[in-house]
């Protein structure tokens, strides 16, 4: 039986999905693939079924939380996330399972991401390699408190126990809340550069300004949900410096009343680690 299931959340990106699913079939060492289709209208589900993936036809767009639904349907110990425009390099999933087997207190590994045909190193990967959190005992690589979802493999049970990806955050910077919740539960997260993910970002349906606005919103909501109030204030002040940030701040303010009872600050040790990563 395979140790890893590949989980793909997608919406209305059939051409990209057709290409990436072919790569999964050739490179993923027999790992099953579950595609969570966020209510697409372009034949995405049919593309996934034709490629041999298990398809979950979601009745509405759940955003990143579609990955959580997919994980609930997986039966392997580990689940690896992929976008509809990304895929894991040959051998990386098998190696990731070996690393997690050897490091039982590590919940999540973030792979090195190579972007485009020219295979440029993703800047986030560079930042993880130089993580100021060091390499605590028991971790297989530099400690992290964030990741790119398309480059992460995680223990399925730990992921689900932490609540998976938030439905409130939808898409855009949704990874930080999960990282904080895993760390608060006592799990380690590490960057493992020997693992490789290829990412060929699609330009279809992209709106950079809207994404920046969503990321600002989610950064503020994550701070409210898990960080002390001075950190929330600093995040809000930072958002005020740009138009997209101000719009994100307004979006976050509208969402806060529904989250008033969901605030659960992380333990001091986790907050101390988070505070070392950025100015806010």
C-alpha atoms as a PDB file:
ATOM      1  CA  UNK A   1       0.000   0.000   0.000  1.00  0.00           C
ATOM      2  CA  UNK A   2       1.297   3.522  -0.759  1.00  0.00           C
ATOM      3  CA  UNK A   3       2.270   5.795   2.131  1.00  0.00           C
ATOM      4  CA  UNK A   4       1.209   9.063   0.471  1.00  0.00           C
ATOM      5  CA  UNK A   5      -1.866  10.445  -1.256  1.00  0.00           C
ATOM      6  CA  UNK A   6      -1.562  13.526  -3.454  1.00  0.00           C
ATOM      7  CA  UNK A   7      -4.337  16.069  -2.849  1.00  0.00           C
ATOM      8  CA  UNK A   8      -5.203  18.683  -5.476  1.00  0.00           C
ATOM      9  CA  UNK A   9      -7.708  21.506  -4.962  1.00  0.00           C
ATOM     10  CA  UNK A  10      -8.805  23.178  -8.188  1.00  0.00           C
ATOM     11  CA  UNK A  11     -11.451  25.325  -9.811  1.00  0.00           C
ATOM     12  CA  UNK A  12     -11.999  26.013 -13.530  1.00  0.00           C
ATOM     13  CA  UNK A  13      -8.424  25.192 -14.550  1.00  0.00           C
ATOM     14  CA  UNK A  14      -8.940  22.116 -16.727  1.00  0.00           C
ATOM     15  CA  UNK A  15      -5.949  22.677 -19.084  1.00  0.00           C
ATOM     16  CA  UNK A  16      -3.517  23.151 -16.196  1.00  0.00           C
ATOM     17  CA  UNK A  17      -4.934  20.143 -14.370  1.00  0.00           C
ATOM     18  CA  UNK A  18      -4.616  17.927 -17.445  1.00  0.00           C
ATOM     19  CA  UNK A  19      -0.921  18.732 -17.662  1.00  0.00           C
ATOM     20  CA  UNK A  20      -0.127  18.337 -13.964  1.00  0.00           C
ATOM     21  CA  UNK A  21      -2.092  15.101 -13.521  1.00  0.00           C
ATOM     22  CA  UNK A  22      -0.037  13.550 -16.299  1.00  0.00           C
ATOM     23  CA  UNK A  23       3.090  14.459 -14.320  1.00  0.00           C
ATOM     24  CA  UNK A  24       1.639  12.926 -11.155  1.00  0.00           C
ATOM     25  CA  UNK A  25       0.951   9.699 -13.012  1.00  0.00           C
ATOM     26  CA  UNK A  26       4.550   9.497 -14.229  1.00  0.00           C
ATOM     27  CA  UNK A  27       6.404  10.784 -11.178  1.00  0.00           C
ATOM     28  CA  UNK A  28       4.451   9.977  -8.011  1.00  0.00           C
ATOM     29  CA  UNK A  29       5.497   6.316  -7.573  1.00  0.00           C
ATOM     30  CA  UNK A  30       1.955   5.017  -7.644  1.00  0.00           C
ATOM     31  CA  UNK A  31       0.610   7.471  -5.080  1.00  0.00           C
ATOM     32  CA  UNK A  32      -3.166   7.836  -5.375  1.00  0.00           C
ATOM     33  CA  UNK A  33      -4.442  11.276  -6.375  1.00  0.00           C
ATOM     34  CA  UNK A  34      -7.582  12.922  -5.028  1.00  0.00           C
ATOM     35  CA  UNK A  35      -8.868  15.996  -6.847  1.00  0.00           C
ATOM     36  CA  UNK A  36     -11.214  18.247  -4.886  1.00  0.00           C
ATOM     37  CA  UNK A  37     -13.116  20.201  -7.527  1.00  0.00           C
ATOM     38  CA  UNK A  38     -14.353  23.512  -6.131  1.00  0.00           C
ATOM     39  CA  UNK A  39     -17.586  23.616  -8.143  1.00  0.00           C
ATOM     40  CA  UNK A  40     -15.901  24.060 -11.534  1.00  0.00           C
ATOM     41  CA  UNK A  41     -17.935  24.744 -14.665  1.00  0.00           C
ATOM     42  CA  UNK A  42     -15.299  23.975 -17.324  1.00  0.00           C
ATOM     43  CA  UNK A  43     -15.133  20.183 -17.311  1.00  0.00           C
ATOM     44  CA  UNK A  44     -12.402  19.982 -14.676  1.00  0.00           C
ATOM     45  CA  UNK A  45     -13.970  16.941 -13.005  1.00  0.00           C
ATOM     46  CA  UNK A  46     -14.089  15.025 -16.290  1.00  0.00           C
ATOM     47  CA  UNK A  47     -10.408  15.781 -16.918  1.00  0.00           C
ATOM     48  CA  UNK A  48      -9.504  14.444 -13.484  1.00  0.00           C
ATOM     49  CA  UNK A  49     -11.589  11.310 -13.895  1.00  0.00           C
ATOM     50  CA  UNK A  50     -10.050  10.616 -17.310  1.00  0.00           C
ATOM     51  CA  UNK A  51      -6.609  10.812 -15.695  1.00  0.00           C
ATOM     52  CA  UNK A  52      -7.573   8.167 -13.135  1.00  0.00           C
ATOM     53  CA  UNK A  53      -7.842  10.455 -10.114  1.00  0.00           C
ATOM     54  CA  UNK A  54     -10.504  10.137  -7.460  1.00  0.00           C
ATOM     55  CA  UNK A  55     -12.736  13.187  -7.870  1.00  0.00           C
ATOM     56  CA  UNK A  56     -14.679  14.975  -5.157  1.00  0.00           C
ATOM     57  CA  UNK A  57     -17.272  17.216  -6.793  1.00  0.00           C
ATOM     58  CA  UNK A  58     -17.832  19.910  -4.182  1.00  0.00           C
ATOM     59  CA  UNK A  59     -21.167  21.752  -4.382  1.00  0.00           C
ATOM     60  CA  UNK A  60     -19.543  25.148  -3.770  1.00  0.00           C
ATOM     61  CA  UNK A  61     -16.118  26.753  -3.755  1.00  0.00           C
ATOM     62  CA  UNK A  62     -14.470  25.976  -0.409  1.00  0.00           C
ATOM     63  CA  UNK A  63     -11.111  27.434  -1.363  1.00  0.00           C
ATOM     64  CA  UNK A  64      -8.167  25.864   0.448  1.00  0.00           C
ATOM     65  CA  UNK A  65     -10.531  23.951   2.729  1.00  0.00           C
ATOM     66  CA  UNK A  66     -11.185  21.647  -0.224  1.00  0.00           C
ATOM     67  CA  UNK A  67      -7.830  20.082   0.677  1.00  0.00           C
ATOM     68  CA  UNK A  68      -9.217  19.232   4.101  1.00  0.00           C
ATOM     69  CA  UNK A  69     -12.181  17.465   2.536  1.00  0.00           C
ATOM     70  CA  UNK A  70      -9.779  15.538   0.304  1.00  0.00           C
ATOM     71  CA  UNK A  71      -7.643  14.537   3.302  1.00  0.00           C
ATOM     72  CA  UNK A  72     -10.731  13.157   5.022  1.00  0.00           C
ATOM     73  CA  UNK A  73     -11.172  10.822   2.040  1.00  0.00           C
ATOM     74  CA  UNK A  74      -7.527   9.698   1.976  1.00  0.00           C
ATOM     75  CA  UNK A  75      -6.482   6.444   3.639  1.00  0.00           C
ATOM     76  CA  UNK A  76      -2.698   6.896   3.724  1.00  0.00           C
ATOM     77  CA  UNK A  77      -0.597   8.058   6.684  1.00  0.00           C
ATOM     78  CA  UNK A  78       0.707  11.050   4.782  1.00  0.00           C
ATOM     79  CA  UNK A  79      -0.893  13.492   2.355  1.00  0.00           C
ATOM     80  CA  UNK A  80       0.996  15.729  -0.065  1.00  0.00           C
ATOM     81  CA  UNK A  81      -0.586  18.896  -1.413  1.00  0.00           C
ATOM     82  CA  UNK A  82      -0.299  19.990  -5.029  1.00  0.00           C
ATOM     83  CA  UNK A  83      -1.837  22.841  -6.973  1.00  0.00           C
ATOM     84  CA  UNK A  84      -3.328  22.253 -10.389  1.00  0.00           C
ATOM     85  CA  UNK A  85      -0.153  23.811 -11.851  1.00  0.00           C
ATOM     86  CA  UNK A  86       2.420  21.951  -9.721  1.00  0.00           C
ATOM     87  CA  UNK A  87       3.781  18.434  -9.247  1.00  0.00           C
ATOM     88  CA  UNK A  88       6.273  16.549  -7.088  1.00  0.00           C
ATOM     89  CA  UNK A  89       9.604  15.524  -8.605  1.00  0.00           C
ATOM     90  CA  UNK A  90      10.325  11.797  -9.086  1.00  0.00           C
ATOM     91  CA  UNK A  91      11.303  10.117  -5.842  1.00  0.00           C
ATOM     92  CA  UNK A  92      10.401  13.049  -3.608  1.00  0.00           C
ATOM     93  CA  UNK A  93       7.242  11.539  -2.131  1.00  0.00           C
ATOM     94  CA  UNK A  94       8.957   8.255  -1.250  1.00  0.00           C
ATOM     95  CA  UNK A  95      11.834  10.152   0.324  1.00  0.00           C
ATOM     96  CA  UNK A  96       9.436  12.404   2.249  1.00  0.00           C
ATOM     97  CA  UNK A  97       7.726   9.343   3.745  1.00  0.00           C
ATOM     98  CA  UNK A  98      11.125   7.992   4.817  1.00  0.00           C
ATOM     99  CA  UNK A  99      12.015  11.293   6.507  1.00  0.00           C
ATOM    100  CA  UNK A 100       8.713  11.492   8.354  1.00  0.00           C
ATOM    101  CA  UNK A 101       9.038   7.869   9.445  1.00  0.00           C
ATOM    102  CA  UNK A 102      12.455   8.688  10.916  1.00  0.00           C
ATOM    103  CA  UNK A 103      11.268  11.884  12.673  1.00  0.00           C
ATOM    104  CA  UNK A 104       8.049  11.047  14.519  1.00  0.00           C
ATOM    105  CA  UNK A 105       7.605  14.514  16.060  1.00  0.00           C
ATOM    106  CA  UNK A 106       7.698  16.233  12.679  1.00  0.00           C
ATOM    107  CA  UNK A 107       4.243  16.823  11.202  1.00  0.00           C
ATOM    108  CA  UNK A 108       5.069  18.725   8.031  1.00  0.00           C
ATOM    109  CA  UNK A 109       7.869  18.951   5.497  1.00  0.00           C
ATOM    110  CA  UNK A 110       8.171  21.786   2.984  1.00  0.00           C
ATOM    111  CA  UNK A 111       9.965  20.926  -0.249  1.00  0.00           C
ATOM    112  CA  UNK A 112      12.254  23.081  -2.367  1.00  0.00           C
ATOM    113  CA  UNK A 113      10.177  24.729  -5.122  1.00  0.00           C
ATOM    114  CA  UNK A 114      11.498  25.226  -8.662  1.00  0.00           C
ATOM    115  CA  UNK A 115       9.486  27.662 -10.755  1.00  0.00           C
ATOM    116  CA  UNK A 116       8.816  27.492 -14.493  1.00  0.00           C
ATOM    117  CA  UNK A 117      10.703  25.876 -17.335  1.00  0.00           C
ATOM    118  CA  UNK A 118      13.896  27.613 -16.212  1.00  0.00           C
ATOM    119  CA  UNK A 119      13.496  26.063 -12.716  1.00  0.00           C
ATOM    120  CA  UNK A 120      14.132  29.243 -10.755  1.00  0.00           C
ATOM    121  CA  UNK A 121      14.344  28.735  -7.010  1.00  0.00           C
ATOM    122  CA  UNK A 122      11.206  30.071  -5.349  1.00  0.00           C
ATOM    123  CA  UNK A 123      12.167  32.973  -3.010  1.00  0.00           C
ATOM    124  CA  UNK A 124      10.204  31.417  -0.150  1.00  0.00           C
ATOM    125  CA  UNK A 125      12.458  28.358  -0.418  1.00  0.00           C
ATOM    126  CA  UNK A 126      15.502  30.598  -0.019  1.00  0.00           C
ATOM    127  CA  UNK A 127      13.963  32.150   3.087  1.00  0.00           C
ATOM    128  CA  UNK A 128      13.238  28.736   4.588  1.00  0.00           C
ATOM    129  CA  UNK A 129      16.808  27.578   3.993  1.00  0.00           C
ATOM    130  CA  UNK A 130      17.974  30.582   6.063  1.00  0.00           C
ATOM    131  CA  UNK A 131      15.304  30.231   8.741  1.00  0.00           C
ATOM    132  CA  UNK A 132      16.181  32.174  11.910  1.00  0.00           C
ATOM    133  CA  UNK A 133      14.518  29.400  13.929  1.00  0.00           C
ATOM    134  CA  UNK A 134      17.518  27.120  13.494  1.00  0.00           C
ATOM    135  CA  UNK A 135      17.324  23.344  13.521  1.00  0.00           C
ATOM    136  CA  UNK A 136      16.056  22.034  16.865  1.00  0.00           C
ATOM    137  CA  UNK A 137      16.791  18.473  17.910  1.00  0.00           C
ATOM    138  CA  UNK A 138      14.499  15.955  16.253  1.00  0.00           C
ATOM    139  CA  UNK A 139      13.849  18.006  13.112  1.00  0.00           C
ATOM    140  CA  UNK A 140      15.214  16.860   9.743  1.00  0.00           C
ATOM    141  CA  UNK A 141      15.880  20.410   8.518  1.00  0.00           C
ATOM    142  CA  UNK A 142      15.505  24.109   9.373  1.00  0.00           C
ATOM    143  CA  UNK A 143      12.454  24.856  11.518  1.00  0.00           C
ATOM    144  CA  UNK A 144       9.666  26.810   9.805  1.00  0.00           C
ATOM    145  CA  UNK A 145       6.329  28.385  10.740  1.00  0.00           C
ATOM    146  CA  UNK A 146       4.971  28.818   7.237  1.00  0.00           C
ATOM    147  CA  UNK A 147       5.097  27.095   3.880  1.00  0.00           C
ATOM    148  CA  UNK A 148       3.690  27.047   0.369  1.00  0.00           C
ATOM    149  CA  UNK A 149       0.809  24.594   0.292  1.00  0.00           C
ATOM    150  CA  UNK A 150       1.832  23.115  -3.060  1.00  0.00           C
ATOM    151  CA  UNK A 151       5.189  22.089  -1.558  1.00  0.00           C
ATOM    152  CA  UNK A 152       4.025  20.483   1.679  1.00  0.00           C
ATOM    153  CA  UNK A 153       3.585  16.905   2.817  1.00  0.00           C
ATOM    154  CA  UNK A 154       1.968  16.349   6.202  1.00  0.00           C
ATOM    155  CA  UNK A 155       0.889  13.609   8.574  1.00  0.00           C
ATOM    156  CA  UNK A 156      -2.765  13.123   7.771  1.00  0.00           C
ATOM    157  CA  UNK A 157      -3.893  12.640  11.374  1.00  0.00           C
ATOM    158  CA  UNK A 158      -1.970  15.689  12.619  1.00  0.00           C
ATOM    159  CA  UNK A 159      -3.389  17.799   9.791  1.00  0.00           C
ATOM    160  CA  UNK A 160      -6.966  16.781  10.519  1.00  0.00           C
ATOM    161  CA  UNK A 161      -6.549  17.073  14.301  1.00  0.00           C
ATOM    162  CA  UNK A 162      -5.368  20.671  13.756  1.00  0.00           C
ATOM    163  CA  UNK A 163      -8.534  21.398  11.787  1.00  0.00           C
ATOM    164  CA  UNK A 164      -6.966  21.448   8.332  1.00  0.00           C
ATOM    165  CA  UNK A 165      -7.193  24.614   6.263  1.00  0.00           C
ATOM    166  CA  UNK A 166      -9.628  27.259   7.455  1.00  0.00           C
ATOM    167  CA  UNK A 167     -12.844  27.799   5.535  1.00  0.00           C
ATOM    168  CA  UNK A 168     -12.862  31.404   6.733  1.00  0.00           C
ATOM    169  CA  UNK A 169      -9.522  32.226   5.104  1.00  0.00           C
ATOM    170  CA  UNK A 170     -10.460  30.554   1.795  1.00  0.00           C
ATOM    171  CA  UNK A 171      -7.312  31.103  -0.350  1.00  0.00           C
ATOM    172  CA  UNK A 172      -4.285  33.365  -0.032  1.00  0.00           C
ATOM    173  CA  UNK A 173      -1.873  32.997   2.885  1.00  0.00           C
ATOM    174  CA  UNK A 174      -3.960  30.235   4.446  1.00  0.00           C
ATOM    175  CA  UNK A 175      -0.842  28.257   5.370  1.00  0.00           C
ATOM    176  CA  UNK A 176       0.258  30.332   8.378  1.00  0.00           C
ATOM    177  CA  UNK A 177      -2.775  29.536  10.522  1.00  0.00           C
ATOM    178  CA  UNK A 178      -2.285  25.811   9.974  1.00  0.00           C
ATOM    179  CA  UNK A 179       1.439  26.098  10.730  1.00  0.00           C
ATOM    180  CA  UNK A 180       0.731  27.898  14.002  1.00  0.00           C
ATOM    181  CA  UNK A 181      -1.890  25.339  15.005  1.00  0.00           C
ATOM    182  CA  UNK A 182       0.447  22.416  14.302  1.00  0.00           C
ATOM    183  CA  UNK A 183       3.212  24.083  16.313  1.00  0.00           C
ATOM    184  CA  UNK A 184       0.802  24.862  19.161  1.00  0.00           C
ATOM    185  CA  UNK A 185      -0.086  21.169  19.263  1.00  0.00           C
ATOM    186  CA  UNK A 186       3.579  20.344  19.794  1.00  0.00           C
ATOM    187  CA  UNK A 187       4.506  19.307  16.260  1.00  0.00           C
ATOM    188  CA  UNK A 188       7.638  20.296  14.394  1.00  0.00           C
ATOM    189  CA  UNK A 189       7.654  21.700  10.850  1.00  0.00           C
ATOM    190  CA  UNK A 190      10.782  21.626   8.715  1.00  0.00           C
ATOM    191  CA  UNK A 191      12.204  22.628   5.352  1.00  0.00           C
ATOM    192  CA  UNK A 192      13.616  19.642   3.467  1.00  0.00           C
ATOM    193  CA  UNK A 193      15.483  20.891   0.368  1.00  0.00           C
ATOM    194  CA  UNK A 194      16.217  17.377  -0.894  1.00  0.00           C
ATOM    195  CA  UNK A 195      12.503  17.167  -1.707  1.00  0.00           C
ATOM    196  CA  UNK A 196      11.543  19.002  -4.901  1.00  0.00           C
ATOM    197  CA  UNK A 197       8.292  20.388  -6.285  1.00  0.00           C
ATOM    198  CA  UNK A 198       7.911  21.906  -9.758  1.00  0.00           C
ATOM    199  CA  UNK A 199       5.553  24.859 -10.026  1.00  0.00           C
ATOM    200  CA  UNK A 200       4.535  26.352 -13.376  1.00  0.00           C
ATOM    201  CA  UNK A 201       2.203  29.161 -12.294  1.00  0.00           C
ATOM    202  CA  UNK A 202      -0.761  29.680 -14.542  1.00  0.00           C
ATOM    203  CA  UNK A 203      -1.811  33.191 -15.495  1.00  0.00           C
ATOM    204  CA  UNK A 204      -5.401  32.145 -16.209  1.00  0.00           C
ATOM    205  CA  UNK A 205      -7.871  33.943 -13.984  1.00  0.00           C
ATOM    206  CA  UNK A 206      -5.143  35.681 -11.992  1.00  0.00           C
ATOM    207  CA  UNK A 207      -5.813  39.075 -10.419  1.00  0.00           C
ATOM    208  CA  UNK A 208      -2.645  40.144  -8.542  1.00  0.00           C
ATOM    209  CA  UNK A 209      -4.315  43.053  -6.780  1.00  0.00           C
ATOM    210  CA  UNK A 210      -7.177  40.870  -5.564  1.00  0.00           C
ATOM    211  CA  UNK A 211      -4.713  38.284  -4.312  1.00  0.00           C
ATOM    212  CA  UNK A 212      -2.727  40.901  -2.397  1.00  0.00           C
ATOM    213  CA  UNK A 213      -5.979  42.093  -0.845  1.00  0.00           C
ATOM    214  CA  UNK A 214      -6.919  38.530   0.202  1.00  0.00           C
ATOM    215  CA  UNK A 215      -3.452  37.902   1.610  1.00  0.00           C
ATOM    216  CA  UNK A 216      -3.625  41.118   3.660  1.00  0.00           C
ATOM    217  CA  UNK A 217      -7.055  40.111   4.956  1.00  0.00           C
ATOM    218  CA  UNK A 218      -5.905  36.636   5.903  1.00  0.00           C
ATOM    219  CA  UNK A 219      -2.700  37.868   7.511  1.00  0.00           C
ATOM    220  CA  UNK A 220      -4.774  40.123   9.764  1.00  0.00           C
ATOM    221  CA  UNK A 221      -7.348  37.429  10.559  1.00  0.00           C
ATOM    222  CA  UNK A 222      -4.602  34.937  11.391  1.00  0.00           C
ATOM    223  CA  UNK A 223      -2.990  37.468  13.713  1.00  0.00           C
ATOM    224  CA  UNK A 224      -6.342  38.071  15.423  1.00  0.00           C
ATOM    225  CA  UNK A 225      -7.026  34.355  15.807  1.00  0.00           C
ATOM    226  CA  UNK A 226      -3.640  33.239  17.137  1.00  0.00           C
ATOM    227  CA  UNK A 227      -1.359  36.132  18.131  1.00  0.00           C
ATOM    228  CA  UNK A 228      -1.239  38.653  21.022  1.00  0.00           C
ATOM    229  CA  UNK A 229      -2.987  41.969  20.539  1.00  0.00           C
ATOM    230  CA  UNK A 230       0.214  44.020  20.026  1.00  0.00           C
ATOM    231  CA  UNK A 231       1.057  41.769  17.063  1.00  0.00           C
ATOM    232  CA  UNK A 232      -2.456  42.301  15.694  1.00  0.00           C
ATOM    233  CA  UNK A 233      -1.957  46.075  15.963  1.00  0.00           C
ATOM    234  CA  UNK A 234       1.379  45.891  14.150  1.00  0.00           C
ATOM    235  CA  UNK A 235      -0.151  43.805  11.365  1.00  0.00           C
ATOM    236  CA  UNK A 236      -2.977  46.332  10.999  1.00  0.00           C
ATOM    237  CA  UNK A 237      -0.534  49.247  10.879  1.00  0.00           C
ATOM    238  CA  UNK A 238       1.478  47.493   8.187  1.00  0.00           C
ATOM    239  CA  UNK A 239      -1.662  46.948   6.109  1.00  0.00           C
ATOM    240  CA  UNK A 240      -2.362  50.680   6.091  1.00  0.00           C
ATOM    241  CA  UNK A 241       0.720  51.411   3.981  1.00  0.00           C
ATOM    242  CA  UNK A 242      -0.803  50.286   0.659  1.00  0.00           C
ATOM    243  CA  UNK A 243      -4.154  50.399  -1.154  1.00  0.00           C
ATOM    244  CA  UNK A 244      -4.530  46.619  -1.345  1.00  0.00           C
ATOM    245  CA  UNK A 245      -3.553  46.322   2.307  1.00  0.00           C
ATOM    246  CA  UNK A 246      -6.152  48.887   3.335  1.00  0.00           C
ATOM    247  CA  UNK A 247      -8.807  47.022   1.369  1.00  0.00           C
ATOM    248  CA  UNK A 248      -7.710  43.796   3.054  1.00  0.00           C
ATOM    249  CA  UNK A 249      -7.949  45.476   6.450  1.00  0.00           C
ATOM    250  CA  UNK A 250     -11.533  46.514   5.691  1.00  0.00           C
ATOM    251  CA  UNK A 251     -12.352  42.955   4.601  1.00  0.00           C
ATOM    252  CA  UNK A 252     -10.839  41.584   7.810  1.00  0.00           C
ATOM    253  CA  UNK A 253     -12.834  44.031   9.934  1.00  0.00           C
ATOM    254  CA  UNK A 254     -16.051  42.799   8.338  1.00  0.00           C
ATOM    255  CA  UNK A 255     -15.133  39.189   9.128  1.00  0.00           C
ATOM    256  CA  UNK A 256     -14.096  39.753  12.748  1.00  0.00           C
ATOM    257  CA  UNK A 257     -17.545  39.698  14.428  1.00  0.00           C
ATOM    258  CA  UNK A 258     -18.059  36.103  13.320  1.00  0.00           C
ATOM    259  CA  UNK A 259     -14.634  35.149  14.726  1.00  0.00           C
ATOM    260  CA  UNK A 260     -14.872  36.786  18.136  1.00  0.00           C
ATOM    261  CA  UNK A 261     -15.116  33.451  19.953  1.00  0.00           C
ATOM    262  CA  UNK A 262     -12.548  31.709  17.772  1.00  0.00           C
ATOM    263  CA  UNK A 263      -9.572  33.652  19.123  1.00  0.00           C
ATOM    264  CA  UNK A 264      -7.058  31.232  20.683  1.00  0.00           C
ATOM    265  CA  UNK A 265      -3.544  32.681  21.052  1.00  0.00           C
ATOM    266  CA  UNK A 266      -0.705  30.216  20.604  1.00  0.00           C
ATOM    267  CA  UNK A 267       1.603  29.278  23.523  1.00  0.00           C
ATOM    268  CA  UNK A 268       4.370  31.787  24.365  1.00  0.00           C
ATOM    269  CA  UNK A 269       7.117  29.623  22.862  1.00  0.00           C
ATOM    270  CA  UNK A 270       5.307  29.459  19.526  1.00  0.00           C
ATOM    271  CA  UNK A 271       4.627  33.208  19.539  1.00  0.00           C
ATOM    272  CA  UNK A 272       8.281  33.889  20.354  1.00  0.00           C
ATOM    273  CA  UNK A 273       9.281  31.831  17.318  1.00  0.00           C
ATOM    274  CA  UNK A 274       6.710  33.593  15.119  1.00  0.00           C
ATOM    275  CA  UNK A 275       7.914  37.003  16.286  1.00  0.00           C
ATOM    276  CA  UNK A 276      11.417  36.219  15.051  1.00  0.00           C
ATOM    277  CA  UNK A 277      10.248  35.836  11.460  1.00  0.00           C
ATOM    278  CA  UNK A 278       8.945  39.330  10.554  1.00  0.00           C
ATOM    279  CA  UNK A 279       8.635  42.814  11.965  1.00  0.00           C
ATOM    280  CA  UNK A 280       4.962  42.226  12.739  1.00  0.00           C
END
